Amino acid sequence: MHPVIKRLEARVGEQVCADFLSASLRDLPDEYFLDEREKYHQAGGIDAYLVQRKEAFVTQLETCLREGRPFFAQEITQEVINYVKGAPEIGGGRRKGSIIYETKIPFMTREYLAETDPTLKRYYYCHCPWARETIKNSNLRPAETFCNCSAGFHKKPFEVIFEQPIKVEVLESVLLGGERCRFAIHLPAETFADK
């Protein structure tokens, strides 16, 4: 992955590469997020929408726990739910001015919470099957801009809600040595600036 990303950056530049990756490498058709647009309009504003989004995420995790099924690939425990409830940016995001700060839920939260080794903790956090092995293998180098793909996943609902392209920044990444994966999603400033 590292050589491919570096070749792309050499041809088009780091920012163009980051912008390309922030469109997300996943198949994310707008239709998948149309219900988010409706929820936003029903909420009556961005702050209420973010609260409802967080509540819906916690409810989804509680349902997984109650039904004994995984959330994607991870086991959900009460400890995981308590962790998510105590992390304001996970599952909903927190707005400051026209920016929403959103933090990813760890890929394997139960293991992440129990781990004390910093390297393994970051490994359990990372969602990307193409990139996470570089965390455990010091002979591999991560592609620095690759986490823009994950950022793109987090900005996509807001692009559908506001029907326009939205800028997103990777603020922290476990792949690059951070303790979490955190993004800044830039909403239309004229609409959401603090008064």
Protein backbone atom coordinates (compact mmCIF):
# COMPACT_ATOMS: atom_id res chain seq x y z
CA MET A 1 0.00 0.00 0.00
CA HIS A 2 2.73 2.48 0.93
CA PRO A 3 4.46 2.35 -2.50
CA VAL A 4 1.14 2.69 -4.34
CA ILE A 5 0.10 5.76 -2.32
CA LYS A 6 3.57 7.30 -2.65
CA ARG A 7 3.47 6.81 -6.45
CA LEU A 8 0.05 8.45 -6.57
CA GLU A 9 1.28 11.38 -4.44
CA ALA A 10 4.32 11.79 -6.71
CA ARG A 11 2.07 12.04 -9.76
CA VAL A 12 -0.77 14.21 -8.46
CA GLY A 13 0.51 15.73 -5.19
CA GLU A 14 -0.25 14.89 -1.57
CA GLN A 15 -3.36 17.09 -1.30
CA VAL A 16 -4.98 15.68 -4.46
CA CYS A 17 -4.22 12.18 -3.20
CA ALA A 18 -5.74 12.99 0.20
CA ASP A 19 -8.83 14.49 -1.47
CA PHE A 20 -9.18 11.41 -3.68
CA LEU A 21 -8.95 9.08 -0.69
CA SER A 22 -11.40 11.22 1.31
CA ALA A 23 -14.06 10.26 -1.22
CA SER A 24 -13.64 6.88 0.56
CA LEU A 25 -12.63 3.67 -1.12
CA ARG A 26 -15.88 2.06 -0.01
CA ASP A 27 -18.99 1.91 -2.15
CA LEU A 28 -21.03 4.61 -0.44
CA PRO A 29 -23.98 5.55 -2.64
CA ASP A 30 -25.87 8.67 -1.55
CA GLU A 31 -29.07 6.62 -1.30
CA TYR A 32 -27.60 4.80 1.70
CA PHE A 33 -27.59 8.07 3.68
CA LEU A 34 -30.88 9.64 2.58
CA ASP A 35 -32.48 8.69 5.90
CA GLU A 36 -29.80 10.79 7.64
CA ARG A 37 -30.97 13.84 5.67
CA GLU A 38 -34.54 13.18 6.82
CA LYS A 39 -33.42 12.71 10.45
CA TYR A 40 -31.48 15.98 10.27
CA HIS A 41 -34.52 17.91 9.00
CA GLN A 42 -36.79 16.31 11.61
CA ALA A 43 -34.31 17.16 14.39
CA GLY A 44 -34.60 20.85 13.57
CA GLY A 45 -30.90 21.66 13.62
CA ILE A 46 -27.40 20.26 13.67
CA ASP A 47 -26.94 20.09 17.45
CA ALA A 48 -30.20 18.20 18.01
CA TYR A 49 -29.32 15.92 15.10
CA LEU A 50 -25.92 15.09 16.64
CA VAL A 51 -27.56 14.24 19.98
CA GLN A 52 -30.10 11.99 18.25
CA ARG A 53 -27.35 10.39 16.17
CA LYS A 54 -25.38 9.54 19.32
CA GLU A 55 -28.49 8.15 21.04
CA ALA A 56 -29.27 5.98 18.01
CA PHE A 57 -25.71 4.65 17.96
CA VAL A 58 -25.83 3.72 21.66
CA THR A 59 -29.25 2.09 21.11
CA GLN A 60 -27.78 0.06 18.24
CA LEU A 61 -24.96 -1.16 20.49
CA GLU A 62 -27.41 -1.97 23.31
CA THR A 63 -29.50 -4.00 20.86
CA CYS A 64 -26.39 -5.93 19.80
CA LEU A 65 -25.62 -6.68 23.46
CA ARG A 66 -29.20 -7.71 24.25
CA GLU A 67 -29.44 -9.95 21.17
CA GLY A 68 -25.95 -11.39 21.58
CA ARG A 69 -24.81 -10.36 18.12
CA PRO A 70 -21.72 -8.45 17.05
CA PHE A 71 -21.56 -4.85 15.93
CA PHE A 72 -19.91 -5.51 12.58
CA ALA A 73 -17.09 -7.83 13.72
CA GLN A 74 -16.80 -6.88 17.38
CA GLU A 75 -18.38 -8.23 20.51
CA ILE A 76 -20.38 -5.67 22.43
CA THR A 77 -20.23 -5.69 26.22
CA GLN A 78 -21.61 -3.30 28.80
CA GLU A 79 -18.08 -1.97 29.22
CA VAL A 80 -17.99 -1.11 25.49
CA ILE A 81 -21.33 0.68 25.76
CA ASN A 82 -20.16 2.63 28.81
CA TYR A 83 -17.00 3.63 26.94
CA VAL A 84 -19.01 4.91 23.96
CA LYS A 85 -21.46 6.76 26.23
CA GLY A 86 -18.52 8.50 27.91
CA ALA A 87 -16.87 9.53 24.64
CA PRO A 88 -18.89 12.50 23.26
CA GLU A 89 -17.32 12.39 19.79
CA ILE A 90 -17.93 8.67 19.15
CA GLY A 91 -21.15 7.83 17.35
CA GLY A 92 -22.44 11.34 16.98
CA GLY A 93 -19.75 13.95 16.93
CA ARG A 94 -19.42 17.28 18.70
CA ARG A 95 -19.82 20.63 16.95
CA LYS A 96 -17.74 23.74 17.52
CA GLY A 97 -18.64 26.50 15.12
CA SER A 98 -18.89 25.01 11.66
CA ILE A 99 -16.73 21.97 12.47
CA ILE A 100 -17.92 18.61 13.75
CA TYR A 101 -15.26 16.65 15.59
CA GLU A 102 -15.82 12.93 15.27
CA THR A 103 -13.80 10.08 16.75
CA LYS A 104 -14.02 6.49 15.49
CA ILE A 105 -15.13 3.70 17.77
CA PRO A 106 -12.22 1.25 18.10
CA PHE A 107 -12.45 -1.74 15.75
CA MET A 108 -12.18 -4.17 18.67
CA THR A 109 -13.26 -2.01 21.60
CA ARG A 110 -13.33 -4.74 24.25
CA GLU A 111 -9.75 -5.78 23.42
CA TYR A 112 -8.69 -2.13 23.11
CA LEU A 113 -10.00 -1.32 26.59
CA ALA A 114 -8.26 -4.34 28.16
CA GLU A 115 -4.90 -3.85 26.41
CA THR A 116 -2.02 -2.06 28.13
CA ASP A 117 0.64 -2.34 25.41
CA PRO A 118 0.45 0.94 23.39
CA THR A 119 1.21 -0.76 20.07
CA LEU A 120 -1.43 -3.46 20.48
CA LYS A 121 -3.89 -0.89 21.78
CA ARG A 122 -3.47 1.06 18.52
CA TYR A 123 -3.73 -2.21 16.55
CA TYR A 124 -7.08 -3.04 18.19
CA TYR A 125 -8.29 0.48 17.41
CA CYS A 126 -7.57 0.47 13.63
CA HIS A 127 -10.43 -0.54 11.33
CA CYS A 128 -8.53 -0.88 8.07
CA PRO A 129 -7.55 -4.45 7.12
CA TRP A 130 -5.12 -3.04 4.53
CA ALA A 131 -3.29 -0.82 6.98
CA ARG A 132 -3.54 -2.17 10.53
CA GLU A 133 -0.75 -4.73 10.20
CA THR A 134 1.75 -1.90 9.78
CA ILE A 135 1.06 -0.97 13.40
CA LYS A 136 2.44 -4.30 14.66
CA ASN A 137 5.23 -4.66 12.09
CA SER A 138 7.97 -2.07 12.42
CA ASN A 139 9.39 -3.16 9.03
CA LEU A 140 6.30 -1.84 7.26
CA ARG A 141 5.65 1.85 6.69
CA PRO A 142 2.14 3.27 6.71
CA ALA A 143 0.97 5.47 3.87
CA GLU A 144 0.43 8.75 5.70
CA THR A 145 -2.49 9.97 3.61
CA PHE A 146 -4.33 6.65 3.62
CA CYS A 147 -6.45 7.48 6.68
CA ASN A 148 -8.26 10.06 4.55
CA CYS A 149 -10.31 7.07 3.33
CA SER A 150 -11.67 6.59 6.84
CA ALA A 151 -12.26 10.33 7.14
CA GLY A 152 -14.30 10.13 3.95
CA PHE A 153 -16.57 7.52 5.50
CA HIS A 154 -17.31 9.90 8.37
CA LYS A 155 -18.00 12.95 6.20
CA LYS A 156 -20.28 11.14 3.72
CA PRO A 157 -23.55 11.44 5.69
CA PHE A 158 -23.02 15.21 5.98
CA GLU A 159 -22.40 15.55 2.25
CA VAL A 160 -25.74 13.87 1.63
CA ILE A 161 -27.50 15.93 4.30
CA PHE A 162 -26.24 19.26 2.93
CA GLU A 163 -26.14 18.17 -0.72
CA GLN A 164 -22.63 19.45 -1.34
CA PRO A 165 -19.00 18.33 -1.07
CA ILE A 166 -17.58 18.76 2.41
CA LYS A 167 -13.96 19.02 3.50
CA VAL A 168 -12.64 16.63 6.14
CA GLU A 169 -9.29 16.54 7.94
CA VAL A 170 -7.53 13.70 9.72
CA LEU A 171 -6.57 15.19 13.09
CA GLU A 172 -5.27 12.01 14.72
CA SER A 173 -4.65 8.50 13.48
CA VAL A 174 -3.55 5.34 15.31
CA LEU A 175 -1.87 4.25 12.10
CA LEU A 176 0.46 7.24 12.40
CA GLY A 177 1.09 6.84 16.13
CA GLY A 178 -1.90 8.61 17.67
CA GLU A 179 -4.06 7.23 20.45
CA ARG A 180 -7.29 7.48 18.44
CA CYS A 181 -8.64 8.27 14.99
CA ARG A 182 -10.23 11.72 15.02
CA PHE A 183 -11.58 13.86 12.21
CA ALA A 184 -12.70 17.45 11.63
CA ILE A 185 -15.72 17.63 9.33
CA HIS A 186 -16.14 21.16 7.94
CA LEU A 187 -19.80 22.08 7.46
CA PRO A 188 -21.03 25.10 5.49
CA ALA A 189 -19.65 27.90 7.67
CA GLU A 190 -22.35 30.45 6.90
CA THR A 191 -25.02 28.09 8.24
CA PHE A 192 -23.37 26.80 11.41
CA ALA A 193 -21.10 29.54 12.71
CA ASP A 194 -21.61 30.24 16.41
CA LYS A 195 -23.41 33.51 17.01
